[in-house]
Amino acid sequence: KPEDTAMYYCAAKRWLGCWTLLYNYWGQGTQVTVS
């Protein structure tokens, strides 16, 4: 959907609690654009 348009990043976290923004390592991102 158009609202999915964003820069998408993958990330890794060392320990428990995955549903958080507080990840330890991040990629550079890849752009997704939906028209």
Full PDB file with SEQRES, HELIX, SHEET, SSBOND, CRYST1, ORIGX, SCALE, CONECT and MASTER records, all heavy atoms in Angstrom:
SEQRES   1 A   35  LYS PRO GLU ASP THR ALA MET TYR TYR CYS ALA ALA LYS          
SEQRES   2 A   35  ARG TRP LEU GLY CYS TRP THR LEU LEU TYR ASN TYR TRP          
SEQRES   3 A   35  GLY GLN GLY THR GLN VAL THR VAL SER                          
HELIX    1 AA1 PRO A    2  ASP A    4  5                                   3    
SHEET    1 AA1 2 ALA A   6  TYR A   8  0                                        
SHEET    2 AA1 2 THR A  30  VAL A  32 -1                                        
SHEET    1 AA2 2 ALA A  11  ALA A  12  0                                        
SHEET    2 AA2 2 TYR A  25  TRP A  26 -1                                        
CRYST1    1.000    1.000    1.000  90.00  90.00  90.00 P 1           1          
ORIGX1      1.000000  0.000000  0.000000        0.00000                         
ORIGX2      0.000000  1.000000  0.000000        0.00000                         
ORIGX3      0.000000  0.000000  1.000000        0.00000                         
SCALE1      1.000000  0.000000  0.000000        0.00000                         
SCALE2      0.000000  1.000000  0.000000        0.00000                         
SCALE3      0.000000  0.000000  1.000000        0.00000                         
ATOM      1  N   LYS A   1       0.837  -1.187   0.000  1.00  0.00           N  
ATOM      2  CA  LYS A   1       0.000   0.000   0.000  1.00  0.00           C  
ATOM      3  C   LYS A   1       0.875   1.241   0.000  1.00  0.00           C  
ATOM      4  O   LYS A   1       2.014   1.190   0.458  1.00  0.00           O  
ATOM      5  CB  LYS A   1      -0.903   0.015   1.235  1.00  0.00           C  
ATOM      6  CG  LYS A   1      -1.781  -1.210   1.391  1.00  0.00           C  
ATOM      7  CD  LYS A   1      -2.557  -1.158   2.699  1.00  0.00           C  
ATOM      8  CE  LYS A   1      -3.434  -2.377   2.869  1.00  0.00           C  
ATOM      9  NZ  LYS A   1      -4.190  -2.342   4.145  1.00  0.00           N  
ATOM     10  N   PRO A   2       0.362   2.364  -0.482  1.00  0.00           N  
ATOM     11  CA  PRO A   2       1.163   3.592  -0.459  1.00  0.00           C  
ATOM     12  C   PRO A   2       1.698   3.940   0.919  1.00  0.00           C  
ATOM     13  O   PRO A   2       2.809   4.470   1.028  1.00  0.00           O  
ATOM     14  CB  PRO A   2       0.185   4.657  -0.965  1.00  0.00           C  
ATOM     15  CG  PRO A   2      -0.717   3.902  -1.882  1.00  0.00           C  
ATOM     16  CD  PRO A   2      -0.910   2.564  -1.218  1.00  0.00           C  
ATOM     17  N   GLU A   3       0.947   3.644   1.961  1.00  0.00           N  
ATOM     18  CA  GLU A   3       1.401   3.950   3.304  1.00  0.00           C  
ATOM     19  C   GLU A   3       2.558   3.073   3.767  1.00  0.00           C  
ATOM     20  O   GLU A   3       3.126   3.315   4.834  1.00  0.00           O  
ATOM     21  CB  GLU A   3       0.245   3.871   4.314  1.00  0.00           C  
ATOM     22  CG  GLU A   3      -0.531   2.572   4.256  1.00  0.00           C  
ATOM     23  CD  GLU A   3      -1.796   2.677   3.429  1.00  0.00           C  
ATOM     24  OE1 GLU A   3      -1.748   3.281   2.336  1.00  0.00           O  
ATOM     25  OE2 GLU A   3      -2.845   2.158   3.878  1.00  0.00           O  
ATOM     26  N   ASP A   4       2.907   2.061   2.984  1.00  0.00           N  
ATOM     27  CA  ASP A   4       4.091   1.265   3.277  1.00  0.00           C  
ATOM     28  C   ASP A   4       5.373   1.934   2.799  1.00  0.00           C  
ATOM     29  O   ASP A   4       6.465   1.446   3.091  1.00  0.00           O  
ATOM     30  CB  ASP A   4       3.989  -0.120   2.630  1.00  0.00           C  
ATOM     31  CG  ASP A   4       2.853  -0.952   3.195  1.00  0.00           C  
ATOM     32  OD1 ASP A   4       2.650  -0.942   4.424  1.00  0.00           O  
ATOM     33  OD2 ASP A   4       2.171  -1.629   2.394  1.00  0.00           O  
ATOM     34  N   THR A   5       5.246   3.016   2.066  1.00  0.00           N  
ATOM     35  CA  THR A   5       6.412   3.720   1.560  1.00  0.00           C  
ATOM     36  C   THR A   5       7.277   4.217   2.710  1.00  0.00           C  
ATOM     37  O   THR A   5       6.807   4.928   3.598  1.00  0.00           O  
ATOM     38  CB  THR A   5       5.982   4.906   0.688  1.00  0.00           C  
ATOM     39  OG1 THR A   5       5.300   4.412  -0.473  1.00  0.00           O  
ATOM     40  CG2 THR A   5       7.184   5.722   0.246  1.00  0.00           C  
ATOM     41  N   ALA A   6       8.538   3.834   2.700  1.00  0.00           N  
ATOM     42  CA  ALA A   6       9.457   4.195   3.776  1.00  0.00           C  
ATOM     43  C   ALA A   6      10.829   3.642   3.458  1.00  0.00           C  
ATOM     44  O   ALA A   6      11.008   2.844   2.533  1.00  0.00           O  
ATOM     45  CB  ALA A   6       8.979   3.631   5.115  1.00  0.00           C  
ATOM     46  N   MET A   7      11.800   4.093   4.231  1.00  0.00           N  
ATOM     47  CA  MET A   7      13.088   3.430   4.252  1.00  0.00           C  
ATOM     48  C   MET A   7      12.988   2.263   5.223  1.00  0.00           C  
ATOM     49  O   MET A   7      12.559   2.443   6.368  1.00  0.00           O  
ATOM     50  CB  MET A   7      14.184   4.400   4.687  1.00  0.00           C  
ATOM     51  CG  MET A   7      15.585   3.815   4.644  1.00  0.00           C  
ATOM     52  SD  MET A   7      16.194   3.576   2.963  1.00  0.00           S  
ATOM     53  CE  MET A   7      16.547   5.273   2.493  1.00  0.00           C  
ATOM     54  N   TYR A   8      13.369   1.097   4.761  1.00  0.00           N  
ATOM     55  CA  TYR A   8      13.294  -0.104   5.577  1.00  0.00           C  
ATOM     56  C   TYR A   8      14.679  -0.514   6.042  1.00  0.00           C  
ATOM     57  O   TYR A   8      15.618  -0.581   5.249  1.00  0.00           O  
ATOM     58  CB  TYR A   8      12.652  -1.251   4.790  1.00  0.00           C  
ATOM     59  CG  TYR A   8      11.155  -1.131   4.684  1.00  0.00           C  
ATOM     60  CD1 TYR A   8      10.578  -0.148   3.883  1.00  0.00           C  
ATOM     61  CD2 TYR A   8      10.312  -1.987   5.396  1.00  0.00           C  
ATOM     62  CE1 TYR A   8       9.203  -0.018   3.795  1.00  0.00           C  
ATOM     63  CE2 TYR A   8       8.938  -1.867   5.308  1.00  0.00           C  
ATOM     64  CZ  TYR A   8       8.389  -0.881   4.509  1.00  0.00           C  
ATOM     65  OH  TYR A   8       7.020  -0.775   4.427  1.00  0.00           O  
ATOM     66  N   TYR A   9      14.788  -0.804   7.319  1.00  0.00           N  
ATOM     67  CA  TYR A   9      16.043  -1.182   7.935  1.00  0.00           C  
ATOM     68  C   TYR A   9      15.926  -2.549   8.583  1.00  0.00           C  
ATOM     69  O   TYR A   9      14.902  -2.861   9.189  1.00  0.00           O  
ATOM     70  CB  TYR A   9      16.432  -0.187   9.035  1.00  0.00           C  
ATOM     71  CG  TYR A   9      16.583   1.240   8.579  1.00  0.00           C  
ATOM     72  CD1 TYR A   9      15.498   2.098   8.565  1.00  0.00           C  
ATOM     73  CD2 TYR A   9      17.820   1.726   8.182  1.00  0.00           C  
ATOM     74  CE1 TYR A   9      15.632   3.412   8.157  1.00  0.00           C  
ATOM     75  CE2 TYR A   9      17.969   3.033   7.775  1.00  0.00           C  
ATOM     76  CZ  TYR A   9      16.877   3.872   7.762  1.00  0.00           C  
ATOM     77  OH  TYR A   9      17.017   5.177   7.358  1.00  0.00           O  
ATOM     78  N   CYS A  10      16.957  -3.344   8.478  1.00  0.00           N  
ATOM     79  CA  CYS A  10      17.011  -4.531   9.304  1.00  0.00           C  
ATOM     80  C   CYS A  10      17.924  -4.258  10.487  1.00  0.00           C  
ATOM     81  O   CYS A  10      18.804  -3.399  10.439  1.00  0.00           O  
ATOM     82  CB  CYS A  10      17.450  -5.776   8.522  1.00  0.00           C  
ATOM     83  SG  CYS A  10      19.168  -5.830   8.017  1.00  0.00           S  
ATOM     84  N   ALA A  11      17.691  -4.986  11.562  1.00  0.00           N  
ATOM     85  CA  ALA A  11      18.429  -4.742  12.786  1.00  0.00           C  
ATOM     86  C   ALA A  11      18.564  -6.028  13.584  1.00  0.00           C  
ATOM     87  O   ALA A  11      17.797  -6.977  13.402  1.00  0.00           O  
ATOM     88  CB  ALA A  11      17.724  -3.671  13.624  1.00  0.00           C  
ATOM     89  N   ALA A  12      19.538  -6.034  14.472  1.00  0.00           N  
ATOM     90  CA  ALA A  12      19.794  -7.178  15.334  1.00  0.00           C  
ATOM     91  C   ALA A  12      19.928  -6.708  16.771  1.00  0.00           C  
ATOM     92  O   ALA A  12      20.459  -5.628  17.042  1.00  0.00           O  
ATOM     93  CB  ALA A  12      21.058  -7.908  14.891  1.00  0.00           C  
ATOM     94  N   LYS A  13      19.458  -7.528  17.672  1.00  0.00           N  
ATOM     95  CA  LYS A  13      19.486  -7.240  19.096  1.00  0.00           C  
ATOM     96  C   LYS A  13      20.085  -8.412  19.837  1.00  0.00           C  
ATOM     97  O   LYS A  13      19.805  -9.568  19.499  1.00  0.00           O  
ATOM     98  CB  LYS A  13      18.060  -6.952  19.582  1.00  0.00           C  
ATOM     99  CG  LYS A  13      17.922  -6.495  21.023  1.00  0.00           C  
ATOM    100  CD  LYS A  13      16.492  -6.063  21.291  1.00  0.00           C  
ATOM    101  CE  LYS A  13      16.313  -5.518  22.690  1.00  0.00           C  
ATOM    102  NZ  LYS A  13      16.351  -6.608  23.699  1.00  0.00           N  
ATOM    103  N   ARG A  14      20.859  -8.130  20.859  1.00  0.00           N  
ATOM    104  CA  ARG A  14      21.603  -9.180  21.543  1.00  0.00           C  
ATOM    105  C   ARG A  14      20.763 -10.057  22.454  1.00  0.00           C  
ATOM    106  O   ARG A  14      21.065 -11.238  22.621  1.00  0.00           O  
ATOM    107  CB  ARG A  14      22.745  -8.576  22.373  1.00  0.00           C  
ATOM    108  CG  ARG A  14      23.887  -8.023  21.547  1.00  0.00           C  
ATOM    109  CD  ARG A  14      25.077  -7.752  22.434  1.00  0.00           C  
ATOM    110  NE  ARG A  14      24.803  -6.700  23.405  1.00  0.00           N  
ATOM    111  CZ  ARG A  14      25.058  -5.417  23.206  1.00  0.00           C  
ATOM    112  NH1 ARG A  14      25.594  -5.023  22.060  1.00  0.00           N  
ATOM    113  NH2 ARG A  14      24.787  -4.528  24.141  1.00  0.00           N  
ATOM    114  N   TRP A  15      19.740  -9.506  23.061  1.00  0.00           N  
ATOM    115  CA  TRP A  15      19.071 -10.258  24.105  1.00  0.00           C  
ATOM    116  C   TRP A  15      17.564 -10.095  24.061  1.00  0.00           C  
ATOM    117  O   TRP A  15      16.996  -9.572  23.113  1.00  0.00           O  
ATOM    118  CB  TRP A  15      19.670  -9.882  25.476  1.00  0.00           C  
ATOM    119  CG  TRP A  15      19.470 -10.905  26.543  1.00  0.00           C  
ATOM    120  CD1 TRP A  15      18.920 -10.715  27.778  1.00  0.00           C  
ATOM    121  CD2 TRP A  15      19.796 -12.305  26.491  1.00  0.00           C  
ATOM    122  NE1 TRP A  15      18.890 -11.892  28.488  1.00  0.00           N  
ATOM    123  CE2 TRP A  15      19.426 -12.883  27.719  1.00  0.00           C  
ATOM    124  CE3 TRP A  15      20.376 -13.116  25.507  1.00  0.00           C  
ATOM    125  CZ2 TRP A  15      19.609 -14.242  27.995  1.00  0.00           C  
ATOM    126  CZ3 TRP A  15      20.549 -14.465  25.777  1.00  0.00           C  
ATOM    127  CH2 TRP A  15      20.168 -15.003  27.016  1.00  0.00           C  
ATOM    128  N   LEU A  16      16.908 -10.539  25.123  1.00  0.00           N  
ATOM    129  CA  LEU A  16      15.457 -10.663  25.186  1.00  0.00           C  
ATOM    130  C   LEU A  16      14.728  -9.347  24.937  1.00  0.00           C  
ATOM    131  O   LEU A  16      15.241  -8.265  25.242  1.00  0.00           O  
ATOM    132  CB  LEU A  16      15.043 -11.191  26.566  1.00  0.00           C  
ATOM    133  CG  LEU A  16      15.620 -12.538  26.977  1.00  0.00           C  
ATOM    134  CD1 LEU A  16      15.244 -12.834  28.423  1.00  0.00           C  
ATOM    135  CD2 LEU A  16      15.117 -13.648  26.061  1.00  0.00           C  
ATOM    136  N   GLY A  17      13.529  -9.475  24.422  1.00  0.00           N  
ATOM    137  CA  GLY A  17      12.679  -8.321  24.177  1.00  0.00           C  
ATOM    138  C   GLY A  17      12.812  -7.806  22.764  1.00  0.00           C  
ATOM    139  O   GLY A  17      13.553  -6.847  22.513  1.00  0.00           O  
ATOM    140  N   CYS A  18      12.098  -8.428  21.831  1.00  0.00           N  
ATOM    141  CA  CYS A  18      12.283  -8.105  20.420  1.00  0.00           C  
ATOM    142  C   CYS A  18      11.405  -6.962  19.934  1.00  0.00           C  
ATOM    143  O   CYS A  18      11.780  -6.272  18.990  1.00  0.00           O  
ATOM    144  CB  CYS A  18      12.039  -9.335  19.555  1.00  0.00           C  
ATOM    145  SG  CYS A  18      13.227 -10.672  19.830  1.00  0.00           S  
ATOM    146  N   TRP A  19      10.241  -6.778  20.527  1.00  0.00           N  
ATOM    147  CA  TRP A  19       9.337  -5.739  20.058  1.00  0.00           C  
ATOM    148  C   TRP A  19       9.696  -4.416  20.720  1.00  0.00           C  
ATOM    149  O   TRP A  19       9.022  -3.934  21.632  1.00  0.00           O  
ATOM    150  CB  TRP A  19       7.884  -6.124  20.301  1.00  0.00           C  
ATOM    151  CG  TRP A  19       6.948  -5.285  19.488  1.00  0.00           C  
ATOM    152  CD1 TRP A  19       6.025  -4.397  19.946  1.00  0.00           C  
ATOM    153  CD2 TRP A  19       6.873  -5.233  18.058  1.00  0.00           C  
ATOM    154  NE1 TRP A  19       5.371  -3.805  18.909  1.00  0.00           N  
ATOM    155  CE2 TRP A  19       5.860  -4.292  17.730  1.00  0.00           C  
ATOM    156  CE3 TRP A  19       7.541  -5.891  17.019  1.00  0.00           C  
ATOM    157  CZ2 TRP A  19       5.524  -3.990  16.410  1.00  0.00           C  
ATOM    158  CZ3 TRP A  19       7.203  -5.580  15.705  1.00  0.00           C  
ATOM    159  CH2 TRP A  19       6.209  -4.651  15.412  1.00  0.00           C  
ATOM    160  N   THR A  20      10.746  -3.830  20.220  1.00  0.00           N  
ATOM    161  CA  THR A  20      11.310  -2.601  20.744  1.00  0.00           C  
ATOM    162  C   THR A  20      12.115  -1.941  19.626  1.00  0.00           C  
ATOM    163  O   THR A  20      12.484  -2.593  18.648  1.00  0.00           O  
ATOM    164  CB  THR A  20      12.232  -2.894  21.946  1.00  0.00           C  
ATOM    165  OG1 THR A  20      12.850  -1.690  22.404  1.00  0.00           O  
ATOM    166  CG2 THR A  20      13.326  -3.893  21.571  1.00  0.00           C  
ATOM    167  N   LEU A  21      12.356  -0.657  19.767  1.00  0.00           N  
ATOM    168  CA  LEU A  21      13.231   0.043  18.840  1.00  0.00           C  
ATOM    169  C   LEU A  21      14.687   0.000  19.279  1.00  0.00           C  
ATOM    170  O   LEU A  21      15.569   0.439  18.540  1.00  0.00           O  
ATOM    171  CB  LEU A  21      12.795   1.505  18.693  1.00  0.00           C  
ATOM    172  CG  LEU A  21      11.392   1.755  18.140  1.00  0.00           C  
ATOM    173  CD1 LEU A  21      11.107   3.254  18.077  1.00  0.00           C  
ATOM    174  CD2 LEU A  21      11.228   1.119  16.773  1.00  0.00           C  
ATOM    175  N   LEU A  22      14.934  -0.518  20.460  1.00  0.00           N  
ATOM    176  CA  LEU A  22      16.264  -0.477  21.052  1.00  0.00           C  
ATOM    177  C   LEU A  22      17.111  -1.657  20.608  1.00  0.00           C  
ATOM    178  O   LEU A  22      17.482  -2.515  21.406  1.00  0.00           O  
ATOM    179  CB  LEU A  22      16.153  -0.411  22.575  1.00  0.00           C  
ATOM    180  CG  LEU A  22      15.358   0.763  23.138  1.00  0.00           C  
ATOM    181  CD1 LEU A  22      15.268   0.673  24.646  1.00  0.00           C  
ATOM    182  CD2 LEU A  22      15.979   2.084  22.707  1.00  0.00           C  
ATOM    183  N   TYR A  23      17.413  -1.693  19.335  1.00  0.00           N  
ATOM    184  CA  TYR A  23      18.278  -2.719  18.780  1.00  0.00           C  
ATOM    185  C   TYR A  23      19.726  -2.254  18.776  1.00  0.00           C  
ATOM    186  O   TYR A  23      20.015  -1.052  18.796  1.00  0.00           O  
ATOM    187  CB  TYR A  23      17.822  -3.090  17.368  1.00  0.00           C  
ATOM    188  CG  TYR A  23      16.738  -4.141  17.364  1.00  0.00           C  
ATOM    189  CD1 TYR A  23      15.547  -3.946  18.045  1.00  0.00           C  
ATOM    190  CD2 TYR A  23      16.913  -5.343  16.684  1.00  0.00           C  
ATOM    191  CE1 TYR A  23      14.559  -4.917  18.052  1.00  0.00           C  
ATOM    192  CE2 TYR A  23      15.929  -6.310  16.680  1.00  0.00           C  
ATOM    193  CZ  TYR A  23      14.754  -6.098  17.363  1.00  0.00           C  
ATOM    194  OH  TYR A  23      13.775  -7.066  17.357  1.00  0.00           O  
ATOM    195  N   ASN A  24      20.631  -3.202  18.743  1.00  0.00           N  
ATOM    196  CA  ASN A  24      22.047  -2.915  18.886  1.00  0.00           C  
ATOM    197  C   ASN A  24      22.759  -2.635  17.572  1.00  0.00           C  
ATOM    198  O   ASN A  24      23.725  -1.873  17.534  1.00  0.00           O  
ATOM    199  CB  ASN A  24      22.752  -4.069  19.586  1.00  0.00           C  
ATOM    200  CG  ASN A  24      22.175  -4.370  20.955  1.00  0.00           C  
ATOM    201  OD1 ASN A  24      21.487  -5.385  21.136  1.00  0.00           O  
ATOM    202  ND2 ASN A  24      22.430  -3.489  21.909  1.00  0.00           N  
ATOM    203  N   TYR A  25      22.306  -3.266  16.512  1.00  0.00           N  
ATOM    204  CA  TYR A  25      22.985  -3.168  15.225  1.00  0.00           C  
ATOM    205  C   TYR A  25      21.970  -2.899  14.133  1.00  0.00           C  
ATOM    206  O   TYR A  25      20.884  -3.485  14.128  1.00  0.00           O  
ATOM    207  CB  TYR A  25      23.747  -4.461  14.916  1.00  0.00           C  
ATOM    208  CG  TYR A  25      24.648  -4.897  16.037  1.00  0.00           C  
ATOM    209  CD1 TYR A  25      24.264  -5.910  16.910  1.00  0.00           C  
ATOM    210  CD2 TYR A  25      25.881  -4.288  16.237  1.00  0.00           C  
ATOM    211  CE1 TYR A  25      25.079  -6.303  17.957  1.00  0.00           C  
ATOM    212  CE2 TYR A  25      26.707  -4.676  17.283  1.00  0.00           C  
ATOM    213  CZ  TYR A  25      26.304  -5.683  18.137  1.00  0.00           C  
ATOM    214  OH  TYR A  25      27.116  -6.072  19.176  1.00  0.00           O  
ATOM    215  N   TRP A  26      22.351  -2.031  13.208  1.00  0.00           N  
ATOM    216  CA  TRP A  26      21.441  -1.596  12.155  1.00  0.00           C  
ATOM    217  C   TRP A  26      22.107  -1.608  10.796  1.00  0.00           C  
ATOM    218  O   TRP A  26      23.301  -1.325  10.673  1.00  0.00           O  
ATOM    219  CB  TRP A  26      20.948  -0.172  12.437  1.00  0.00           C  
ATOM    220  CG  TRP A  26      20.107  -0.074  13.661  1.00  0.00           C  
ATOM    221  CD1 TRP A  26      20.540   0.034  14.953  1.00  0.00           C  
ATOM    222  CD2 TRP A  26      18.680  -0.074  13.713  1.00  0.00           C  
ATOM    223  NE1 TRP A  26      19.456   0.101  15.810  1.00  0.00           N  
ATOM    224  CE2 TRP A  26      18.314   0.038  15.078  1.00  0.00           C  
ATOM    225  CE3 TRP A  26      17.680  -0.150  12.748  1.00  0.00           C  
ATOM    226  CZ2 TRP A  26      16.978   0.072  15.489  1.00  0.00           C  
ATOM    227  CZ3 TRP A  26      16.358  -0.119  13.153  1.00  0.00           C  
ATOM    228  CH2 TRP A  26      16.020  -0.009  14.511  1.00  0.00           C  
ATOM    229  N   GLY A  27      21.328  -1.930   9.775  1.00  0.00           N  
ATOM    230  CA  GLY A  27      21.787  -1.799   8.411  1.00  0.00           C  
ATOM    231  C   GLY A  27      21.616  -0.381   7.906  1.00  0.00           C  
ATOM    232  O   GLY A  27      21.141   0.511   8.623  1.00  0.00           O  
ATOM    233  N   GLN A  28      21.987  -0.166   6.657  1.00  0.00           N  
ATOM    234  CA  GLN A  28      21.952   1.178   6.079  1.00  0.00           C  
ATOM    235  C   GLN A  28      20.595   1.548   5.498  1.00  0.00           C  
ATOM    236  O   GLN A  28      20.353   2.717   5.209  1.00  0.00           O  
ATOM    237  CB  GLN A  28      23.029   1.306   4.995  1.00  0.00           C  
ATOM    238  CG  GLN A  28      22.650   0.767   3.619  1.00  0.00           C  
ATOM    239  CD  GLN A  28      22.507  -0.737   3.557  1.00  0.00           C  
ATOM    240  OE1 GLN A  28      23.049  -1.465   4.386  1.00  0.00           O  
ATOM    241  NE2 GLN A  28      21.772  -1.218   2.553  1.00  0.00           N  
ATOM    242  N   GLY A  29      19.733   0.566   5.321  1.00  0.00           N  
ATOM    243  CA  GLY A  29      18.397   0.812   4.826  1.00  0.00           C  
ATOM    244  C   GLY A  29      18.242   0.562   3.341  1.00  0.00           C  
ATOM    245  O   GLY A  29      19.189   0.653   2.573  1.00  0.00           O  
ATOM    246  N   THR A  30      17.020   0.243   2.948  1.00  0.00           N  
ATOM    247  CA  THR A  30      16.669   0.107   1.541  1.00  0.00           C  
ATOM    248  C   THR A  30      15.304   0.749   1.336  1.00  0.00           C  
ATOM    249  O   THR A  30      14.389   0.550   2.131  1.00  0.00           O  
ATOM    250  CB  THR A  30      16.685  -1.373   1.096  1.00  0.00           C  
ATOM    251  OG1 THR A  30      16.457  -1.455  -0.317  1.00  0.00           O  
ATOM    252  CG2 THR A  30      15.647  -2.205   1.827  1.00  0.00           C  
ATOM    253  N   GLN A  31      15.180   1.534   0.288  1.00  0.00           N  
ATOM    254  CA  GLN A  31      13.972   2.318   0.076  1.00  0.00           C  
ATOM    255  C   GLN A  31      12.883   1.492  -0.580  1.00  0.00           C  
ATOM    256  O   GLN A  31      13.123   0.785  -1.562  1.00  0.00           O  
ATOM    257  CB  GLN A  31      14.276   3.541  -0.801  1.00  0.00           C  
ATOM    258  CG  GLN A  31      13.066   4.427  -1.094  1.00  0.00           C  
ATOM    259  CD  GLN A  31      12.536   5.121   0.132  1.00  0.00           C  
ATOM    260  OE1 GLN A  31      13.315   5.579   0.981  1.00  0.00           O  
ATOM    261  NE2 GLN A  31      11.210   5.216   0.254  1.00  0.00           N  
ATOM    262  N   VAL A  32      11.675   1.601  -0.039  1.00  0.00           N  
ATOM    263  CA  VAL A  32      10.487   0.998  -0.628  1.00  0.00           C  
ATOM    264  C   VAL A  32       9.506   2.118  -0.939  1.00  0.00           C  
ATOM    265  O   VAL A  32       9.140   2.895  -0.052  1.00  0.00           O  
ATOM    266  CB  VAL A  32       9.835  -0.026   0.311  1.00  0.00           C  
ATOM    267  CG1 VAL A  32       8.482  -0.485  -0.236  1.00  0.00           C  
ATOM    268  CG2 VAL A  32      10.757  -1.210   0.519  1.00  0.00           C  
ATOM    269  N   THR A  33       9.087   2.204  -2.182  1.00  0.00           N  
ATOM    270  CA  THR A  33       8.141   3.223  -2.608  1.00  0.00           C  
ATOM    271  C   THR A  33       6.963   2.547  -3.283  1.00  0.00           C  
ATOM    272  O   THR A  33       7.146   1.772  -4.224  1.00  0.00           O  
ATOM    273  CB  THR A  33       8.791   4.219  -3.576  1.00  0.00           C  
ATOM    274  OG1 THR A  33       9.922   4.835  -2.951  1.00  0.00           O  
ATOM    275  CG2 THR A  33       7.798   5.299  -3.988  1.00  0.00           C  
ATOM    276  N   VAL A  34       5.766   2.836  -2.801  1.00  0.00           N  
ATOM    277  CA  VAL A  34       4.552   2.228  -3.329  1.00  0.00           C  
ATOM    278  C   VAL A  34       3.649   3.337  -3.849  1.00  0.00           C  
ATOM    279  O   VAL A  34       3.252   4.228  -3.096  1.00  0.00           O  
ATOM    280  CB  VAL A  34       3.811   1.406  -2.265  1.00  0.00           C  
ATOM    281  CG1 VAL A  34       2.620   0.690  -2.895  1.00  0.00           C  
ATOM    282  CG2 VAL A  34       4.755   0.408  -1.610  1.00  0.00           C  
ATOM    283  N   SER A  35       3.317   3.280  -5.118  1.00  0.00           N  
ATOM    284  CA  SER A  35       2.476   4.286  -5.738  1.00  0.00           C  
ATOM    285  C   SER A  35       1.066   3.749  -5.942  1.00  0.00           C  
ATOM    286  O   SER A  35       0.851   2.542  -6.098  1.00  0.00           O  
ATOM    287  CB  SER A  35       3.062   4.737  -7.069  1.00  0.00           C  
ATOM    288  OG  SER A  35       3.178   3.646  -7.969  1.00  0.00           O  
TER     289      SER A  35                                                      
MASTER        0    0    0    1    4    0    0    6  288    1    0    3          
END                                                                             
